[in-house]
Amino acid sequence: MLENDQSGTKIAECIIDFEEQSPAGRVNVNKDNADQGLAKLVLSLVELLRRVMEHEALRRIDGGTLTEREIEEMGETFLKLDNKMVEMREIFGLKAEDLNLDLGPLGNLM
């Protein structure tokens, strides 16, 4: 087991080694851009979850299981999330297409 003060460093080194060997289209993290690489991974996951939630919301709207108020609240929530995603991409110098992860046999995220 790794000691507490060294565990973060060891894990970061393993991630960096793994990511440097990753094929194109994957998150590429190195010692110089670790923050941006981690941000890219996290924002890509948030984008994936946002798309799944949006798909489910549309399914529920089409199914007639939501009230007008619920539909309005969901719309506002998705708009706020989109605005926050734009803000976070700007902070880390990322573009929307940078979040297009290769999901293997499922294809690309976007």
PDB file of N, CA and C in Angstrom:
ATOM      1  N   MET A   1       0.846  -1.183   0.000  1.00  0.00           N
ATOM      2  CA  MET A   1       0.000   0.000   0.000  1.00  0.00           C
ATOM      3  C   MET A   1       0.889   1.243   0.000  1.00  0.00           C
ATOM      4  N   LEU A   2       0.489   2.256  -0.725  1.00  0.00           N
ATOM      5  CA  LEU A   2       1.253   3.497  -0.823  1.00  0.00           C
ATOM      6  C   LEU A   2       1.010   4.372   0.395  1.00  0.00           C
ATOM      7  N   GLU A   3       2.036   5.063   0.843  1.00  0.00           N
ATOM      8  CA  GLU A   3       1.862   6.004   1.944  1.00  0.00           C
ATOM      9  C   GLU A   3       1.055   7.192   1.463  1.00  0.00           C
ATOM     10  N   ASN A   4       0.340   7.859   2.369  1.00  0.00           N
ATOM     11  CA  ASN A   4      -0.547   8.954   2.021  1.00  0.00           C
ATOM     12  C   ASN A   4       0.142  10.064   1.240  1.00  0.00           C
ATOM     13  N   ASP A   5       1.344  10.493   1.650  1.00  0.00           N
ATOM     14  CA  ASP A   5       1.990  11.618   1.003  1.00  0.00           C
ATOM     15  C   ASP A   5       2.537  11.258  -0.370  1.00  0.00           C
ATOM     16  N   GLN A   6       2.724   9.989  -0.655  1.00  0.00           N
ATOM     17  CA  GLN A   6       3.268   9.570  -1.937  1.00  0.00           C
ATOM     18  C   GLN A   6       2.209   9.016  -2.871  1.00  0.00           C
ATOM     19  N   SER A   7       1.052   8.654  -2.349  1.00  0.00           N
ATOM     20  CA  SER A   7       0.041   7.986  -3.162  1.00  0.00           C
ATOM     21  C   SER A   7      -0.445   8.860  -4.311  1.00  0.00           C
ATOM     22  N   GLY A   8      -0.680  10.131  -4.046  1.00  0.00           N
ATOM     23  CA  GLY A   8      -1.140  11.026  -5.108  1.00  0.00           C
ATOM     24  C   GLY A   8      -0.119  11.168  -6.214  1.00  0.00           C
ATOM     25  N   THR A   9       1.151  11.265  -5.831  1.00  0.00           N
ATOM     26  CA  THR A   9       2.222  11.383  -6.819  1.00  0.00           C
ATOM     27  C   THR A   9       2.333  10.117  -7.641  1.00  0.00           C
ATOM     28  N   LYS A  10       2.296   8.957  -7.000  1.00  0.00           N
ATOM     29  CA  LYS A  10       2.405   7.672  -7.706  1.00  0.00           C
ATOM     30  C   LYS A  10       1.233   7.480  -8.665  1.00  0.00           C
ATOM     31  N   ILE A  11       0.039   7.793  -8.209  1.00  0.00           N
ATOM     32  CA  ILE A  11      -1.136   7.660  -9.064  1.00  0.00           C
ATOM     33  C   ILE A  11      -1.030   8.600 -10.248  1.00  0.00           C
ATOM     34  N   ALA A  12      -0.632   9.846 -10.004  1.00  0.00           N
ATOM     35  CA  ALA A  12      -0.484  10.816 -11.095  1.00  0.00           C
ATOM     36  C   ALA A  12       0.545  10.336 -12.110  1.00  0.00           C
ATOM     37  N   GLU A  13       1.659   9.788 -11.623  1.00  0.00           N
ATOM     38  CA  GLU A  13       2.684   9.285 -12.538  1.00  0.00           C
ATOM     39  C   GLU A  13       2.155   8.132 -13.380  1.00  0.00           C
ATOM     40  N   CYS A  14       1.375   7.238 -12.779  1.00  0.00           N
ATOM     41  CA  CYS A  14       0.789   6.119 -13.526  1.00  0.00           C
ATOM     42  C   CYS A  14      -0.184   6.618 -14.587  1.00  0.00           C
ATOM     43  N   ILE A  15      -0.997   7.590 -14.217  1.00  0.00           N
ATOM     44  CA  ILE A  15      -1.952   8.150 -15.179  1.00  0.00           C
ATOM     45  C   ILE A  15      -1.207   8.827 -16.316  1.00  0.00           C
ATOM     46  N   ILE A  16      -0.188   9.590 -15.987  1.00  0.00           N
ATOM     47  CA  ILE A  16       0.591  10.284 -17.010  1.00  0.00           C
ATOM     48  C   ILE A  16       1.234   9.275 -17.959  1.00  0.00           C
ATOM     49  N   ASP A  17       1.836   8.223 -17.411  1.00  0.00           N
ATOM     50  CA  ASP A  17       2.450   7.194 -18.255  1.00  0.00           C
ATOM     51  C   ASP A  17       1.424   6.540 -19.162  1.00  0.00           C
ATOM     52  N   PHE A  18       0.262   6.216 -18.605  1.00  0.00           N
ATOM     53  CA  PHE A  18      -0.793   5.587 -19.395  1.00  0.00           C
ATOM     54  C   PHE A  18      -1.282   6.512 -20.504  1.00  0.00           C
ATOM     55  N   GLU A  19      -1.552   7.760 -20.160  1.00  0.00           N
ATOM     56  CA  GLU A  19      -2.102   8.696 -21.126  1.00  0.00           C
ATOM     57  C   GLU A  19      -1.109   9.052 -22.225  1.00  0.00           C
ATOM     58  N   GLU A  20       0.188   9.100 -21.920  1.00  0.00           N
ATOM     59  CA  GLU A  20       1.173   9.402 -22.949  1.00  0.00           C
ATOM     60  C   GLU A  20       1.223   8.302 -23.990  1.00  0.00           C
ATOM     61  N   GLN A  21       0.812   7.092 -23.629  1.00  0.00           N
ATOM     62  CA  GLN A  21       0.818   5.975 -24.558  1.00  0.00           C
ATOM     63  C   GLN A  21      -0.521   5.802 -25.262  1.00  0.00           C
ATOM     64  N   SER A  22      -1.521   6.604 -24.911  1.00  0.00           N
ATOM     65  CA  SER A  22      -2.856   6.478 -25.472  1.00  0.00           C
ATOM     66  C   SER A  22      -2.891   6.935 -26.916  1.00  0.00           C
ATOM     67  N   PRO A  23      -3.723   6.265 -27.742  1.00  0.00           N
ATOM     68  CA  PRO A  23      -3.859   6.688 -29.140  1.00  0.00           C
ATOM     69  C   PRO A  23      -4.538   8.043 -29.257  1.00  0.00           C
ATOM     70  N   ALA A  24      -4.437   8.640 -30.444  1.00  0.00           N
ATOM     71  CA  ALA A  24      -5.060   9.945 -30.703  1.00  0.00           C
ATOM     72  C   ALA A  24      -6.556   9.866 -30.437  1.00  0.00           C
ATOM     73  N   GLY A  25      -7.135  10.969 -30.002  1.00  0.00           N
ATOM     74  CA  GLY A  25      -8.557  11.020 -29.704  1.00  0.00           C
ATOM     75  C   GLY A  25      -8.865  10.703 -28.258  1.00  0.00           C
ATOM     76  N   ARG A  26      -7.864  10.294 -27.522  1.00  0.00           N
ATOM     77  CA  ARG A  26      -8.037  10.006 -26.104  1.00  0.00           C
ATOM     78  C   ARG A  26      -7.518  11.186 -25.302  1.00  0.00           C
ATOM     79  N   VAL A  27      -7.842  11.219 -24.028  1.00  0.00           N
ATOM     80  CA  VAL A  27      -7.325  12.273 -23.163  1.00  0.00           C
ATOM     81  C   VAL A  27      -5.830  12.072 -23.045  1.00  0.00           C
ATOM     82  N   ASN A  28      -5.049  13.101 -23.337  1.00  0.00           N
ATOM     83  CA  ASN A  28      -3.598  13.020 -23.281  1.00  0.00           C
ATOM     84  C   ASN A  28      -3.101  13.932 -22.174  1.00  0.00           C
ATOM     85  N   VAL A  29      -2.633  13.325 -21.086  1.00  0.00           N
ATOM     86  CA  VAL A  29      -2.181  14.083 -19.936  1.00  0.00           C
ATOM     87  C   VAL A  29      -0.675  13.901 -19.806  1.00  0.00           C
ATOM     88  N   ASN A  30       0.027  14.989 -19.578  1.00  0.00           N
ATOM     89  CA  ASN A  30       1.440  14.893 -19.235  1.00  0.00           C
ATOM     90  C   ASN A  30       1.701  15.866 -18.100  1.00  0.00           C
ATOM     91  N   LYS A  31       2.937  15.914 -17.649  1.00  0.00           N
ATOM     92  CA  LYS A  31       3.260  16.741 -16.486  1.00  0.00           C
ATOM     93  C   LYS A  31       2.986  18.222 -16.722  1.00  0.00           C
ATOM     94  N   ASP A  32       3.053  18.658 -17.976  1.00  0.00           N
ATOM     95  CA  ASP A  32       2.860  20.074 -18.283  1.00  0.00           C
ATOM     96  C   ASP A  32       1.396  20.470 -18.409  1.00  0.00           C
ATOM     97  N   ASN A  33       0.522  19.521 -18.742  1.00  0.00           N
ATOM     98  CA  ASN A  33      -0.883  19.875 -18.954  1.00  0.00           C
ATOM     99  C   ASN A  33      -1.829  18.987 -18.136  1.00  0.00           C
ATOM    100  N   ALA A  34      -1.401  18.566 -16.963  1.00  0.00           N
ATOM    101  CA  ALA A  34      -2.217  17.671 -16.144  1.00  0.00           C
ATOM    102  C   ALA A  34      -3.572  18.287 -15.807  1.00  0.00           C
ATOM    103  N   ASP A  35      -3.601  19.574 -15.454  1.00  0.00           N
ATOM    104  CA  ASP A  35      -4.876  20.227 -15.123  1.00  0.00           C
ATOM    105  C   ASP A  35      -5.824  20.220 -16.308  1.00  0.00           C
ATOM    106  N   GLN A  36      -5.291  20.551 -17.481  1.00  0.00           N
ATOM    107  CA  GLN A  36      -6.132  20.600 -18.667  1.00  0.00           C
ATOM    108  C   GLN A  36      -6.609  19.200 -19.056  1.00  0.00           C
ATOM    109  N   GLY A  37      -5.737  18.208 -18.929  1.00  0.00           N
ATOM    110  CA  GLY A  37      -6.123  16.837 -19.254  1.00  0.00           C
ATOM    111  C   GLY A  37      -7.209  16.323 -18.333  1.00  0.00           C
ATOM    112  N   LEU A  38      -7.071  16.610 -17.052  1.00  0.00           N
ATOM    113  CA  LEU A  38      -8.082  16.193 -16.091  1.00  0.00           C
ATOM    114  C   LEU A  38      -9.392  16.935 -16.347  1.00  0.00           C
ATOM    115  N   ALA A  39      -9.296  18.220 -16.629  1.00  0.00           N
ATOM    116  CA  ALA A  39     -10.499  19.005 -16.943  1.00  0.00           C
ATOM    117  C   ALA A  39     -11.185  18.452 -18.185  1.00  0.00           C
ATOM    118  N   LYS A  40     -10.402  18.073 -19.182  1.00  0.00           N
ATOM    119  CA  LYS A  40     -10.970  17.512 -20.415  1.00  0.00           C
ATOM    120  C   LYS A  40     -11.718  16.226 -20.107  1.00  0.00           C
ATOM    121  N   LEU A  41     -11.132  15.370 -19.294  1.00  0.00           N
ATOM    122  CA  LEU A  41     -11.781  14.117 -18.936  1.00  0.00           C
ATOM    123  C   LEU A  41     -13.068  14.367 -18.165  1.00  0.00           C
ATOM    124  N   VAL A  42     -13.010  15.213 -17.147  1.00  0.00           N
ATOM    125  CA  VAL A  42     -14.186  15.485 -16.311  1.00  0.00           C
ATOM    126  C   VAL A  42     -15.290  16.156 -17.130  1.00  0.00           C
ATOM    127  N   LEU A  43     -14.932  17.155 -17.922  1.00  0.00           N
ATOM    128  CA  LEU A  43     -15.942  17.845 -18.725  1.00  0.00           C
ATOM    129  C   LEU A  43     -16.528  16.931 -19.795  1.00  0.00           C
ATOM    130  N   SER A  44     -15.727  16.016 -20.316  1.00  0.00           N
ATOM    131  CA  SER A  44     -16.241  15.040 -21.287  1.00  0.00           C
ATOM    132  C   SER A  44     -17.261  14.122 -20.630  1.00  0.00           C
ATOM    133  N   LEU A  45     -16.982  13.694 -19.419  1.00  0.00           N
ATOM    134  CA  LEU A  45     -17.938  12.850 -18.693  1.00  0.00           C
ATOM    135  C   LEU A  45     -19.216  13.615 -18.371  1.00  0.00           C
ATOM    136  N   VAL A  46     -19.074  14.873 -17.968  1.00  0.00           N
ATOM    137  CA  VAL A  46     -20.257  15.701 -17.701  1.00  0.00           C
ATOM    138  C   VAL A  46     -21.073  15.867 -18.979  1.00  0.00           C
ATOM    139  N   GLU A  47     -20.400  16.077 -20.102  1.00  0.00           N
ATOM    140  CA  GLU A  47     -21.100  16.222 -21.383  1.00  0.00           C
ATOM    141  C   GLU A  47     -21.828  14.935 -21.751  1.00  0.00           C
ATOM    142  N   LEU A  48     -21.185  13.800 -21.532  1.00  0.00           N
ATOM    143  CA  LEU A  48     -21.837  12.518 -21.805  1.00  0.00           C
ATOM    144  C   LEU A  48     -23.086  12.364 -20.941  1.00  0.00           C
ATOM    145  N   LEU A  49     -22.979  12.647 -19.658  1.00  0.00           N
ATOM    146  CA  LEU A  49     -24.128  12.551 -18.757  1.00  0.00           C
ATOM    147  C   LEU A  49     -25.226  13.543 -19.129  1.00  0.00           C
ATOM    148  N   ARG A  50     -24.823  14.751 -19.546  1.00  0.00           N
ATOM    149  CA  ARG A  50     -25.801  15.752 -19.958  1.00  0.00           C
ATOM    150  C   ARG A  50     -26.609  15.246 -21.152  1.00  0.00           C
ATOM    151  N   ARG A  51     -25.917  14.630 -22.108  1.00  0.00           N
ATOM    152  CA  ARG A  51     -26.612  14.121 -23.287  1.00  0.00           C
ATOM    153  C   ARG A  51     -27.565  12.983 -22.940  1.00  0.00           C
ATOM    154  N   VAL A  52     -27.149  12.108 -22.030  1.00  0.00           N
ATOM    155  CA  VAL A  52     -28.026  11.012 -21.603  1.00  0.00           C
ATOM    156  C   VAL A  52     -29.251  11.579 -20.890  1.00  0.00           C
ATOM    157  N   MET A  53     -29.036  12.550 -19.994  1.00  0.00           N
ATOM    158  CA  MET A  53     -30.152  13.156 -19.267  1.00  0.00           C
ATOM    159  C   MET A  53     -31.086  13.904 -20.215  1.00  0.00           C
ATOM    160  N   GLU A  54     -30.521  14.592 -21.190  1.00  0.00           N
ATOM    161  CA  GLU A  54     -31.345  15.320 -22.151  1.00  0.00           C
ATOM    162  C   GLU A  54     -32.182  14.349 -22.983  1.00  0.00           C
ATOM    163  N   HIS A  55     -31.588  13.239 -23.381  1.00  0.00           N
ATOM    164  CA  HIS A  55     -32.328  12.219 -24.133  1.00  0.00           C
ATOM    165  C   HIS A  55     -33.486  11.676 -23.297  1.00  0.00           C
ATOM    166  N   GLU A  56     -33.221  11.406 -22.020  1.00  0.00           N
ATOM    167  CA  GLU A  56     -34.265  10.907 -21.130  1.00  0.00           C
ATOM    168  C   GLU A  56     -35.360  11.955 -20.935  1.00  0.00           C
ATOM    169  N   ALA A  57     -34.965  13.220 -20.798  1.00  0.00           N
ATOM    170  CA  ALA A  57     -35.953  14.294 -20.641  1.00  0.00           C
ATOM    171  C   ALA A  57     -36.861  14.379 -21.871  1.00  0.00           C
ATOM    172  N   LEU A  58     -36.274  14.296 -23.059  1.00  0.00           N
ATOM    173  CA  LEU A  58     -37.078  14.336 -24.283  1.00  0.00           C
ATOM    174  C   LEU A  58     -38.018  13.132 -24.368  1.00  0.00           C
ATOM    175  N   ARG A  59     -37.538  11.974 -23.941  1.00  0.00           N
ATOM    176  CA  ARG A  59     -38.388  10.783 -23.930  1.00  0.00           C
ATOM    177  C   ARG A  59     -39.578  10.977 -23.000  1.00  0.00           C
ATOM    178  N   ARG A  60     -39.312  11.557 -21.830  1.00  0.00           N
ATOM    179  CA  ARG A  60     -40.393  11.795 -20.871  1.00  0.00           C
ATOM    180  C   ARG A  60     -41.361  12.866 -21.376  1.00  0.00           C
ATOM    181  N   ILE A  61     -40.842  13.887 -22.050  1.00  0.00           N
ATOM    182  CA  ILE A  61     -41.716  14.921 -22.623  1.00  0.00           C
ATOM    183  C   ILE A  61     -42.613  14.303 -23.683  1.00  0.00           C
ATOM    184  N   ASP A  62     -42.010  13.510 -24.582  1.00  0.00           N
ATOM    185  CA  ASP A  62     -42.791  12.854 -25.636  1.00  0.00           C
ATOM    186  C   ASP A  62     -43.810  11.885 -25.054  1.00  0.00           C
ATOM    187  N   GLY A  63     -43.477  11.278 -23.905  1.00  0.00           N
ATOM    188  CA  GLY A  63     -44.388  10.341 -23.261  1.00  0.00           C
ATOM    189  C   GLY A  63     -45.494  11.011 -22.472  1.00  0.00           C
ATOM    190  N   GLY A  64     -45.395  12.339 -22.309  1.00  0.00           N
ATOM    191  CA  GLY A  64     -46.434  13.082 -21.606  1.00  0.00           C
ATOM    192  C   GLY A  64     -46.425  12.891 -20.099  1.00  0.00           C
ATOM    193  N   THR A  65     -45.282  12.506 -19.536  1.00  0.00           N
ATOM    194  CA  THR A  65     -45.240  12.249 -18.096  1.00  0.00           C
ATOM    195  C   THR A  65     -44.781  13.449 -17.281  1.00  0.00           C
ATOM    196  N   LEU A  66     -44.538  14.582 -17.932  1.00  0.00           N
ATOM    197  CA  LEU A  66     -44.066  15.777 -17.228  1.00  0.00           C
ATOM    198  C   LEU A  66     -45.081  16.896 -17.328  1.00  0.00           C
ATOM    199  N   THR A  67     -45.162  17.690 -16.275  1.00  0.00           N
ATOM    200  CA  THR A  67     -46.017  18.867 -16.304  1.00  0.00           C
ATOM    201  C   THR A  67     -45.291  19.990 -17.051  1.00  0.00           C
ATOM    202  N   GLU A  68     -46.032  21.015 -17.400  1.00  0.00           N
ATOM    203  CA  GLU A  68     -45.423  22.173 -18.068  1.00  0.00           C
ATOM    204  C   GLU A  68     -44.343  22.807 -17.194  1.00  0.00           C
ATOM    205  N   ARG A  69     -44.612  22.867 -15.903  1.00  0.00           N
ATOM    206  CA  ARG A  69     -43.628  23.437 -14.964  1.00  0.00           C
ATOM    207  C   ARG A  69     -42.349  22.604 -14.933  1.00  0.00           C
ATOM    208  N   GLU A  70     -42.482  21.285 -14.900  1.00  0.00           N
ATOM    209  CA  GLU A  70     -41.310  20.409 -14.898  1.00  0.00           C
ATOM    210  C   GLU A  70     -40.504  20.563 -16.189  1.00  0.00           C
ATOM    211  N   ILE A  71     -41.197  20.692 -17.293  1.00  0.00           N
ATOM    212  CA  ILE A  71     -40.524  20.885 -18.587  1.00  0.00           C
ATOM    213  C   ILE A  71     -39.760  22.200 -18.576  1.00  0.00           C
ATOM    214  N   GLU A  72     -40.376  23.245 -18.059  1.00  0.00           N
ATOM    215  CA  GLU A  72     -39.729  24.557 -17.973  1.00  0.00           C
ATOM    216  C   GLU A  72     -38.498  24.501 -17.069  1.00  0.00           C
ATOM    217  N   GLU A  73     -38.626  23.850 -15.924  1.00  0.00           N
ATOM    218  CA  GLU A  73     -37.499  23.733 -14.990  1.00  0.00           C
ATOM    219  C   GLU A  73     -36.344  22.945 -15.603  1.00  0.00           C
ATOM    220  N   MET A  74     -36.656  21.877 -16.315  1.00  0.00           N
ATOM    221  CA  MET A  74     -35.604  21.095 -16.963  1.00  0.00           C
ATOM    222  C   MET A  74     -34.900  21.918 -18.035  1.00  0.00           C
ATOM    223  N   GLY A  75     -35.664  22.669 -18.790  1.00  0.00           N
ATOM    224  CA  GLY A  75     -35.072  23.528 -19.818  1.00  0.00           C
ATOM    225  C   GLY A  75     -34.112  24.538 -19.216  1.00  0.00           C
ATOM    226  N   GLU A  76     -34.529  25.155 -18.123  1.00  0.00           N
ATOM    227  CA  GLU A  76     -33.666  26.124 -17.439  1.00  0.00           C
ATOM    228  C   GLU A  76     -32.406  25.454 -16.889  1.00  0.00           C
ATOM    229  N   THR A  77     -32.564  24.258 -16.340  1.00  0.00           N
ATOM    230  CA  THR A  77     -31.426  23.521 -15.795  1.00  0.00           C
ATOM    231  C   THR A  77     -30.427  23.174 -16.889  1.00  0.00           C
ATOM    232  N   PHE A  78     -30.910  22.689 -18.025  1.00  0.00           N
ATOM    233  CA  PHE A  78     -30.015  22.352 -19.130  1.00  0.00           C
ATOM    234  C   PHE A  78     -29.324  23.599 -19.683  1.00  0.00           C
ATOM    235  N   LEU A  79     -30.023  24.712 -19.696  1.00  0.00           N
ATOM    236  CA  LEU A  79     -29.423  25.965 -20.158  1.00  0.00           C
ATOM    237  C   LEU A  79     -28.316  26.414 -19.205  1.00  0.00           C
ATOM    238  N   LYS A  80     -28.566  26.329 -17.895  1.00  0.00           N
ATOM    239  CA  LYS A  80     -27.541  26.687 -16.912  1.00  0.00           C
ATOM    240  C   LYS A  80     -26.330  25.767 -17.021  1.00  0.00           C
ATOM    241  N   LEU A  81     -26.571  24.489 -17.204  1.00  0.00           N
ATOM    242  CA  LEU A  81     -25.470  23.533 -17.351  1.00  0.00           C
ATOM    243  C   LEU A  81     -24.655  23.839 -18.599  1.00  0.00           C
ATOM    244  N   ASP A  82     -25.329  24.163 -19.684  1.00  0.00           N
ATOM    245  CA  ASP A  82     -24.626  24.514 -20.922  1.00  0.00           C
ATOM    246  C   ASP A  82     -23.765  25.754 -20.725  1.00  0.00           C
ATOM    247  N   ASN A  83     -24.306  26.765 -20.064  1.00  0.00           N
ATOM    248  CA  ASN A  83     -23.538  27.985 -19.793  1.00  0.00           C
ATOM    249  C   ASN A  83     -22.323  27.702 -18.917  1.00  0.00           C
ATOM    250  N   LYS A  84     -22.487  26.850 -17.912  1.00  0.00           N
ATOM    251  CA  LYS A  84     -21.379  26.497 -17.028  1.00  0.00           C
ATOM    252  C   LYS A  84     -20.321  25.696 -17.789  1.00  0.00           C
ATOM    253  N   MET A  85     -20.747  24.836 -18.698  1.00  0.00           N
ATOM    254  CA  MET A  85     -19.790  24.070 -19.505  1.00  0.00           C
ATOM    255  C   MET A  85     -18.966  25.007 -20.392  1.00  0.00           C
ATOM    256  N   VAL A  86     -19.606  26.003 -20.984  1.00  0.00           N
ATOM    257  CA  VAL A  86     -18.881  26.985 -21.801  1.00  0.00           C
ATOM    258  C   VAL A  86     -17.855  27.711 -20.936  1.00  0.00           C
ATOM    259  N   GLU A  87     -18.265  28.133 -19.756  1.00  0.00           N
ATOM    260  CA  GLU A  87     -17.373  28.830 -18.828  1.00  0.00           C
ATOM    261  C   GLU A  87     -16.174  27.951 -18.454  1.00  0.00           C
ATOM    262  N   MET A  88     -16.424  26.696 -18.128  1.00  0.00           N
ATOM    263  CA  MET A  88     -15.344  25.792 -17.726  1.00  0.00           C
ATOM    264  C   MET A  88     -14.401  25.495 -18.893  1.00  0.00           C
ATOM    265  N   ARG A  89     -14.944  25.344 -20.098  1.00  0.00           N
ATOM    266  CA  ARG A  89     -14.076  25.129 -21.266  1.00  0.00           C
ATOM    267  C   ARG A  89     -13.164  26.325 -21.470  1.00  0.00           C
ATOM    268  N   GLU A  90     -13.698  27.534 -21.298  1.00  0.00           N
ATOM    269  CA  GLU A  90     -12.891  28.747 -21.453  1.00  0.00           C
ATOM    270  C   GLU A  90     -11.792  28.814 -20.406  1.00  0.00           C
ATOM    271  N   ILE A  91     -12.099  28.446 -19.176  1.00  0.00           N
ATOM    272  CA  ILE A  91     -11.107  28.473 -18.098  1.00  0.00           C
ATOM    273  C   ILE A  91      -9.933  27.564 -18.432  1.00  0.00           C
ATOM    274  N   PHE A  92     -10.206  26.389 -18.993  1.00  0.00           N
ATOM    275  CA  PHE A  92      -9.151  25.427 -19.269  1.00  0.00           C
ATOM    276  C   PHE A  92      -8.673  25.457 -20.720  1.00  0.00           C
ATOM    277  N   GLY A  93      -9.137  26.441 -21.495  1.00  0.00           N
ATOM    278  CA  GLY A  93      -8.668  26.579 -22.868  1.00  0.00           C
ATOM    279  C   GLY A  93      -9.088  25.439 -23.773  1.00  0.00           C
ATOM    280  N   LEU A  94     -10.295  24.933 -23.575  1.00  0.00           N
ATOM    281  CA  LEU A  94     -10.803  23.822 -24.370  1.00  0.00           C
ATOM    282  C   LEU A  94     -11.919  24.295 -25.290  1.00  0.00           C
ATOM    283  N   LYS A  95     -12.063  23.624 -26.421  1.00  0.00           N
ATOM    284  CA  LYS A  95     -13.174  23.868 -27.337  1.00  0.00           C
ATOM    285  C   LYS A  95     -14.161  22.714 -27.195  1.00  0.00           C
ATOM    286  N   ALA A  96     -15.377  22.908 -27.673  1.00  0.00           N
ATOM    287  CA  ALA A  96     -16.395  21.863 -27.569  1.00  0.00           C
ATOM    288  C   ALA A  96     -15.914  20.574 -28.222  1.00  0.00           C
ATOM    289  N   GLU A  97     -15.241  20.674 -29.355  1.00  0.00           N
ATOM    290  CA  GLU A  97     -14.776  19.474 -30.050  1.00  0.00           C
ATOM    291  C   GLU A  97     -13.664  18.753 -29.293  1.00  0.00           C
ATOM    292  N   ASP A  98     -13.009  19.429 -28.351  1.00  0.00           N
ATOM    293  CA  ASP A  98     -11.985  18.779 -27.526  1.00  0.00           C
ATOM    294  C   ASP A  98     -12.588  17.732 -26.595  1.00  0.00           C
ATOM    295  N   LEU A  99     -13.880  17.835 -26.339  1.00  0.00           N
ATOM    296  CA  LEU A  99     -14.552  16.911 -25.436  1.00  0.00           C
ATOM    297  C   LEU A  99     -15.091  15.680 -26.161  1.00  0.00           C
ATOM    298  N   ASN A 100     -14.739  15.523 -27.416  1.00  0.00           N
ATOM    299  CA  ASN A 100     -15.228  14.429 -28.240  1.00  0.00           C
ATOM    300  C   ASN A 100     -14.387  13.183 -27.997  1.00  0.00           C
ATOM    301  N   LEU A 101     -14.704  12.445 -26.941  1.00  0.00           N
ATOM    302  CA  LEU A 101     -13.944  11.250 -26.579  1.00  0.00           C
ATOM    303  C   LEU A 101     -14.274  10.083 -27.496  1.00  0.00           C
ATOM    304  N   ASP A 102     -13.287   9.254 -27.732  1.00  0.00           N
ATOM    305  CA  ASP A 102     -13.462   8.012 -28.469  1.00  0.00           C
ATOM    306  C   ASP A 102     -14.032   6.982 -27.498  1.00  0.00           C
ATOM    307  N   LEU A 103     -15.260   6.542 -27.736  1.00  0.00           N
ATOM    308  CA  LEU A 103     -15.916   5.594 -26.851  1.00  0.00           C
ATOM    309  C   LEU A 103     -15.794   4.159 -27.351  1.00  0.00           C
ATOM    310  N   GLY A 104     -14.758   3.906 -28.119  1.00  0.00           N
ATOM    311  CA  GLY A 104     -14.497   2.556 -28.625  1.00  0.00           C
ATOM    312  C   GLY A 104     -15.558   2.120 -29.607  1.00  0.00           C
ATOM    313  N   PRO A 105     -16.176   0.939 -29.371  1.00  0.00           N
ATOM    314  CA  PRO A 105     -17.147   0.422 -30.311  1.00  0.00           C
ATOM    315  C   PRO A 105     -18.415   1.271 -30.428  1.00  0.00           C
ATOM    316  N   LEU A 106     -18.628   2.163 -29.472  1.00  0.00           N
ATOM    317  CA  LEU A 106     -19.799   3.048 -29.527  1.00  0.00           C
ATOM    318  C   LEU A 106     -19.560   4.252 -30.435  1.00  0.00           C
ATOM    319  N   GLY A 107     -18.309   4.481 -30.840  1.00  0.00           N
ATOM    320  CA  GLY A 107     -17.971   5.627 -31.670  1.00  0.00           C
ATOM    321  C   GLY A 107     -17.544   6.806 -30.813  1.00  0.00           C
ATOM    322  N   ASN A 108     -17.574   7.968 -31.415  1.00  0.00           N
ATOM    323  CA  ASN A 108     -17.204   9.193 -30.701  1.00  0.00           C
ATOM    324  C   ASN A 108     -18.383   9.742 -29.938  1.00  0.00           C
ATOM    325  N   LEU A 109     -18.070  10.487 -28.870  1.00  0.00           N
ATOM    326  CA  LEU A 109     -19.113  11.084 -28.037  1.00  0.00           C
ATOM    327  C   LEU A 109     -19.975  12.047 -28.841  1.00  0.00           C
ATOM    328  N   MET A 110     -19.332  12.872 -29.681  1.00  0.00           N
ATOM    329  CA  MET A 110     -20.084  13.867 -30.455  1.00  0.00           C
ATOM    330  C   MET A 110     -19.887  13.651 -31.931  1.00  0.00           C
TER     331      MET A 110
END
